[in-house]
Amino acid sequence: EQVVLMLADFQASMPFLIMALAVLAFFGSSLPLLIGLMGFFGWERYARISRGLAISASAQGYASAVTQLGASPARVYLKHILPNIASTLIVSMTLVFPEVILLESGLSFLGLGVQPPMTSLGNMVGYGREYITRAPWIMLAPATTIVLTTLAVSVLGDWLRDRLDPTLR
């Protein structure tokens, strides 16, 4: 547990965009590497949130009651604690998802993300830069899509938090 927390501290201390730029510049931009980086983004948040919620939930009476009845620690965590912390984790994932969209768009805009012939909104914004004075819609359409998508996912995350968080009821 302490090793994971030390790794989380190390990851949180490094700016992810700089690390992603360095990794993509060193290894070259490929879709599997980009997907791996996106999956790696923000894991320390989930580790800290999960740990705190699991400690809080295991300190409550129902977890100790199930343990005294003879349930294994794995059963206690999987059947009793995880369902109680899942809503908070789902909400935190939906609130981080817009950051992932912006990160991918930014890396693609810089030429380090998704490579042609595959399509990315960041690539479209980058290509539209050349035509901004003659045909601004070439850049504005994908930029507006990025803004509306991130806004919609953020609103969905807020709505899920309002619906699923038991402390707000």
C-alpha atoms as a PDB file:
ATOM      1  CA  GLU A   1       0.000   0.000   0.000  1.00  0.00           C
ATOM      2  CA  GLN A   2       2.795   2.408   0.861  1.00  0.00           C
ATOM      3  CA  VAL A   3       4.610   1.651  -2.403  1.00  0.00           C
ATOM      4  CA  VAL A   4       1.489   2.451  -4.423  1.00  0.00           C
ATOM      5  CA  LEU A   5       1.047   5.707  -2.505  1.00  0.00           C
ATOM      6  CA  MET A   6       4.684   6.645  -3.147  1.00  0.00           C
ATOM      7  CA  LEU A   7       4.206   5.938  -6.868  1.00  0.00           C
ATOM      8  CA  ALA A   8       1.034   8.042  -6.807  1.00  0.00           C
ATOM      9  CA  ASP A   9       2.938  10.913  -5.171  1.00  0.00           C
ATOM     10  CA  PHE A  10       5.674  10.638  -7.789  1.00  0.00           C
ATOM     11  CA  GLN A  11       3.151  10.616 -10.647  1.00  0.00           C
ATOM     12  CA  ALA A  12       1.226  13.558  -9.195  1.00  0.00           C
ATOM     13  CA  SER A  13       4.412  15.605  -8.875  1.00  0.00           C
ATOM     14  CA  MET A  14       5.171  15.357 -12.604  1.00  0.00           C
ATOM     15  CA  PRO A  15       3.135  17.399 -15.101  1.00  0.00           C
ATOM     16  CA  PHE A  16       1.431  14.778 -17.224  1.00  0.00           C
ATOM     17  CA  LEU A  17       1.432  16.795 -20.446  1.00  0.00           C
ATOM     18  CA  ILE A  18       5.209  17.269 -20.280  1.00  0.00           C
ATOM     19  CA  MET A  19       5.701  13.569 -19.553  1.00  0.00           C
ATOM     20  CA  ALA A  20       3.364  12.601 -22.421  1.00  0.00           C
ATOM     21  CA  LEU A  21       5.196  14.932 -24.805  1.00  0.00           C
ATOM     22  CA  ALA A  22       8.535  13.420 -23.801  1.00  0.00           C
ATOM     23  CA  VAL A  23       7.312   9.825 -24.157  1.00  0.00           C
ATOM     24  CA  LEU A  24       5.679  10.469 -27.542  1.00  0.00           C
ATOM     25  CA  ALA A  25       8.707  12.383 -28.829  1.00  0.00           C
ATOM     26  CA  PHE A  26      11.096   9.646 -27.688  1.00  0.00           C
ATOM     27  CA  PHE A  27       9.136   6.577 -28.820  1.00  0.00           C
ATOM     28  CA  GLY A  28       7.275   8.186 -31.714  1.00  0.00           C
ATOM     29  CA  SER A  29       3.564   8.695 -31.865  1.00  0.00           C
ATOM     30  CA  SER A  30       1.555   5.538 -32.299  1.00  0.00           C
ATOM     31  CA  LEU A  31      -2.036   4.798 -31.451  1.00  0.00           C
ATOM     32  CA  PRO A  32      -1.305   2.012 -28.905  1.00  0.00           C
ATOM     33  CA  LEU A  33       1.166   4.254 -27.084  1.00  0.00           C
ATOM     34  CA  LEU A  34      -1.310   7.143 -27.080  1.00  0.00           C
ATOM     35  CA  ILE A  35      -4.073   4.889 -25.725  1.00  0.00           C
ATOM     36  CA  GLY A  36      -1.707   3.623 -23.028  1.00  0.00           C
ATOM     37  CA  LEU A  37      -0.839   7.185 -22.024  1.00  0.00           C
ATOM     38  CA  MET A  38      -4.510   8.156 -21.903  1.00  0.00           C
ATOM     39  CA  GLY A  39      -5.240   5.170 -19.674  1.00  0.00           C
ATOM     40  CA  PHE A  40      -2.305   6.089 -17.462  1.00  0.00           C
ATOM     41  CA  PHE A  41      -3.564   9.671 -17.091  1.00  0.00           C
ATOM     42  CA  GLY A  42      -4.856  10.468 -13.613  1.00  0.00           C
ATOM     43  CA  TRP A  43      -4.545   6.994 -12.090  1.00  0.00           C
ATOM     44  CA  GLU A  44      -3.155   8.485  -8.880  1.00  0.00           C
ATOM     45  CA  ARG A  45      -6.429  10.345  -8.307  1.00  0.00           C
ATOM     46  CA  TYR A  46      -8.390   7.114  -8.461  1.00  0.00           C
ATOM     47  CA  ALA A  47      -5.888   5.337  -6.236  1.00  0.00           C
ATOM     48  CA  ARG A  48      -6.176   8.004  -3.547  1.00  0.00           C
ATOM     49  CA  ILE A  49      -9.951   8.295  -3.821  1.00  0.00           C
ATOM     50  CA  SER A  50     -10.393   4.504  -3.741  1.00  0.00           C
ATOM     51  CA  ARG A  51      -8.079   4.104  -0.776  1.00  0.00           C
ATOM     52  CA  GLY A  52      -9.787   6.838   1.228  1.00  0.00           C
ATOM     53  CA  LEU A  53     -13.275   5.571   0.454  1.00  0.00           C
ATOM     54  CA  ALA A  54     -12.315   1.955   1.189  1.00  0.00           C
ATOM     55  CA  ILE A  55     -10.799   2.913   4.546  1.00  0.00           C
ATOM     56  CA  SER A  56     -13.888   4.964   5.381  1.00  0.00           C
ATOM     57  CA  ALA A  57     -16.292   2.218   4.312  1.00  0.00           C
ATOM     58  CA  SER A  58     -14.375  -0.535   6.101  1.00  0.00           C
ATOM     59  CA  ALA A  59     -14.503   1.483   9.319  1.00  0.00           C
ATOM     60  CA  GLN A  60     -18.295   1.432   9.213  1.00  0.00           C
ATOM     61  CA  GLY A  61     -20.234  -1.249  11.016  1.00  0.00           C
ATOM     62  CA  TYR A  62     -21.425  -3.359   8.113  1.00  0.00           C
ATOM     63  CA  ALA A  63     -17.894  -4.265   6.962  1.00  0.00           C
ATOM     64  CA  SER A  64     -16.813  -5.409  10.410  1.00  0.00           C
ATOM     65  CA  ALA A  65     -20.092  -7.316  10.867  1.00  0.00           C
ATOM     66  CA  VAL A  66     -19.536  -9.259   7.651  1.00  0.00           C
ATOM     67  CA  THR A  67     -15.919  -9.922   8.661  1.00  0.00           C
ATOM     68  CA  GLN A  68     -17.053 -11.293  12.028  1.00  0.00           C
ATOM     69  CA  LEU A  69     -19.472 -13.589  10.229  1.00  0.00           C
ATOM     70  CA  GLY A  70     -16.461 -15.199   8.566  1.00  0.00           C
ATOM     71  CA  ALA A  71     -16.297 -13.534   5.170  1.00  0.00           C
ATOM     72  CA  SER A  72     -12.897 -13.339   3.528  1.00  0.00           C
ATOM     73  CA  PRO A  73     -11.310  -9.897   3.048  1.00  0.00           C
ATOM     74  CA  ALA A  74     -11.715 -10.238  -0.723  1.00  0.00           C
ATOM     75  CA  ARG A  75     -15.440 -10.917  -0.312  1.00  0.00           C
ATOM     76  CA  VAL A  76     -15.831  -7.965   2.059  1.00  0.00           C
ATOM     77  CA  TYR A  77     -14.166  -5.593  -0.393  1.00  0.00           C
ATOM     78  CA  LEU A  78     -15.794  -6.945  -3.559  1.00  0.00           C
ATOM     79  CA  LYS A  79     -19.332  -7.557  -2.296  1.00  0.00           C
ATOM     80  CA  HIS A  80     -19.797  -4.928   0.398  1.00  0.00           C
ATOM     81  CA  ILE A  81     -17.300  -2.074   0.110  1.00  0.00           C
ATOM     82  CA  LEU A  82     -16.892  -1.756  -3.682  1.00  0.00           C
ATOM     83  CA  PRO A  83     -20.625  -1.301  -4.373  1.00  0.00           C
ATOM     84  CA  ASN A  84     -20.700   1.510  -1.800  1.00  0.00           C
ATOM     85  CA  ILE A  85     -17.765   3.396  -3.311  1.00  0.00           C
ATOM     86  CA  ALA A  86     -18.521   2.694  -6.994  1.00  0.00           C
ATOM     87  CA  SER A  87     -20.785   5.715  -7.441  1.00  0.00           C
ATOM     88  CA  THR A  88     -18.088   8.118  -6.276  1.00  0.00           C
ATOM     89  CA  LEU A  89     -15.529   6.498  -8.580  1.00  0.00           C
ATOM     90  CA  ILE A  90     -17.902   6.663 -11.559  1.00  0.00           C
ATOM     91  CA  VAL A  91     -18.557  10.348 -10.931  1.00  0.00           C
ATOM     92  CA  SER A  92     -14.853  11.126 -10.610  1.00  0.00           C
ATOM     93  CA  MET A  93     -14.185   9.315 -13.894  1.00  0.00           C
ATOM     94  CA  THR A  94     -16.801  11.361 -15.725  1.00  0.00           C
ATOM     95  CA  LEU A  95     -15.303  14.547 -14.328  1.00  0.00           C
ATOM     96  CA  VAL A  96     -11.795  13.586 -15.562  1.00  0.00           C
ATOM     97  CA  PHE A  97     -12.970  12.465 -19.005  1.00  0.00           C
ATOM     98  CA  PRO A  98     -13.062  16.041 -20.424  1.00  0.00           C
ATOM     99  CA  GLU A  99      -9.417  16.427 -19.405  1.00  0.00           C
ATOM    100  CA  VAL A 100      -8.578  13.308 -21.408  1.00  0.00           C
ATOM    101  CA  ILE A 101     -10.449  14.689 -24.436  1.00  0.00           C
ATOM    102  CA  LEU A 102      -8.540  17.965 -24.211  1.00  0.00           C
ATOM    103  CA  LEU A 103      -5.235  16.142 -23.718  1.00  0.00           C
ATOM    104  CA  GLU A 104      -5.759  13.992 -26.811  1.00  0.00           C
ATOM    105  CA  SER A 105      -6.887  16.983 -28.858  1.00  0.00           C
ATOM    106  CA  GLY A 106      -3.895  19.012 -27.729  1.00  0.00           C
ATOM    107  CA  LEU A 107      -1.417  16.239 -28.518  1.00  0.00           C
ATOM    108  CA  SER A 108      -3.024  15.697 -31.931  1.00  0.00           C
ATOM    109  CA  PHE A 109      -2.961  19.442 -32.586  1.00  0.00           C
ATOM    110  CA  LEU A 110       0.784  19.407 -31.899  1.00  0.00           C
ATOM    111  CA  GLY A 111       1.245  16.421 -34.227  1.00  0.00           C
ATOM    112  CA  LEU A 112       2.046  13.914 -31.482  1.00  0.00           C
ATOM    113  CA  GLY A 113      -1.372  12.327 -31.127  1.00  0.00           C
ATOM    114  CA  VAL A 114      -3.439  10.398 -33.644  1.00  0.00           C
ATOM    115  CA  GLN A 115      -1.674  10.367 -37.011  1.00  0.00           C
ATOM    116  CA  PRO A 116      -3.305  10.579 -40.450  1.00  0.00           C
ATOM    117  CA  PRO A 117      -5.115   8.822 -42.071  1.00  0.00           C
ATOM    118  CA  MET A 118      -6.970   8.440 -38.750  1.00  0.00           C
ATOM    119  CA  THR A 119      -9.057  11.428 -37.770  1.00  0.00           C
ATOM    120  CA  SER A 120      -8.812  13.503 -34.621  1.00  0.00           C
ATOM    121  CA  LEU A 121     -10.495  16.753 -33.704  1.00  0.00           C
ATOM    122  CA  GLY A 122      -7.118  18.148 -32.678  1.00  0.00           C
ATOM    123  CA  ASN A 123      -5.725  17.362 -36.143  1.00  0.00           C
ATOM    124  CA  MET A 124      -8.717  19.069 -37.740  1.00  0.00           C
ATOM    125  CA  VAL A 125      -8.178  22.200 -35.663  1.00  0.00           C
ATOM    126  CA  GLY A 126      -4.493  22.144 -36.616  1.00  0.00           C
ATOM    127  CA  TYR A 127      -5.251  21.837 -40.329  1.00  0.00           C
ATOM    128  CA  GLY A 128      -7.930  24.535 -40.091  1.00  0.00           C
ATOM    129  CA  ARG A 129      -5.371  27.012 -38.764  1.00  0.00           C
ATOM    130  CA  GLU A 130      -4.065  27.522 -42.290  1.00  0.00           C
ATOM    131  CA  TYR A 131      -7.497  28.570 -43.571  1.00  0.00           C
ATOM    132  CA  ILE A 132      -8.726  30.671 -40.667  1.00  0.00           C
ATOM    133  CA  THR A 133      -8.875  33.909 -42.677  1.00  0.00           C
ATOM    134  CA  ARG A 134     -10.573  32.414 -45.753  1.00  0.00           C
ATOM    135  CA  ALA A 135     -12.717  29.632 -44.265  1.00  0.00           C
ATOM    136  CA  PRO A 136     -12.918  29.847 -40.469  1.00  0.00           C
ATOM    137  CA  TRP A 137     -15.537  27.090 -40.225  1.00  0.00           C
ATOM    138  CA  ILE A 138     -12.849  24.531 -41.068  1.00  0.00           C
ATOM    139  CA  MET A 139     -11.275  25.230 -37.682  1.00  0.00           C
ATOM    140  CA  LEU A 140     -14.363  26.348 -35.780  1.00  0.00           C
ATOM    141  CA  ALA A 141     -16.411  23.188 -36.411  1.00  0.00           C
ATOM    142  CA  PRO A 142     -13.996  20.750 -34.699  1.00  0.00           C
ATOM    143  CA  ALA A 143     -13.141  23.305 -32.001  1.00  0.00           C
ATOM    144  CA  THR A 144     -16.838  23.749 -31.230  1.00  0.00           C
ATOM    145  CA  THR A 145     -17.262  19.968 -31.156  1.00  0.00           C
ATOM    146  CA  ILE A 146     -14.445  19.690 -28.603  1.00  0.00           C
ATOM    147  CA  VAL A 147     -15.986  22.412 -26.440  1.00  0.00           C
ATOM    148  CA  LEU A 148     -19.512  20.976 -26.606  1.00  0.00           C
ATOM    149  CA  THR A 149     -18.333  17.412 -25.945  1.00  0.00           C
ATOM    150  CA  THR A 150     -16.291  18.385 -22.900  1.00  0.00           C
ATOM    151  CA  LEU A 151     -19.133  20.567 -21.631  1.00  0.00           C
ATOM    152  CA  ALA A 152     -21.678  17.754 -22.099  1.00  0.00           C
ATOM    153  CA  VAL A 153     -19.515  15.209 -20.282  1.00  0.00           C
ATOM    154  CA  SER A 154     -18.889  17.690 -17.452  1.00  0.00           C
ATOM    155  CA  VAL A 155     -22.608  18.348 -17.079  1.00  0.00           C
ATOM    156  CA  LEU A 156     -23.234  14.580 -17.118  1.00  0.00           C
ATOM    157  CA  GLY A 157     -20.635  14.164 -14.358  1.00  0.00           C
ATOM    158  CA  ASP A 158     -22.288  16.864 -12.260  1.00  0.00           C
ATOM    159  CA  TRP A 159     -25.692  15.268 -12.796  1.00  0.00           C
ATOM    160  CA  LEU A 160     -24.338  11.838 -11.831  1.00  0.00           C
ATOM    161  CA  ARG A 161     -22.756  13.326  -8.719  1.00  0.00           C
ATOM    162  CA  ASP A 162     -26.095  14.864  -7.743  1.00  0.00           C
ATOM    163  CA  ARG A 163     -27.918  11.577  -8.358  1.00  0.00           C
ATOM    164  CA  LEU A 164     -25.435   9.077  -6.915  1.00  0.00           C
ATOM    165  CA  ASP A 165     -23.649  10.844  -4.060  1.00  0.00           C
ATOM    166  CA  PRO A 166     -25.403   9.849  -0.821  1.00  0.00           C
ATOM    167  CA  THR A 167     -24.018  12.868   1.072  1.00  0.00           C
ATOM    168  CA  LEU A 168     -25.931  15.261  -1.211  1.00  0.00           C
ATOM    169  CA  ARG A 169     -29.315  13.612  -0.646  1.00  0.00           C
END
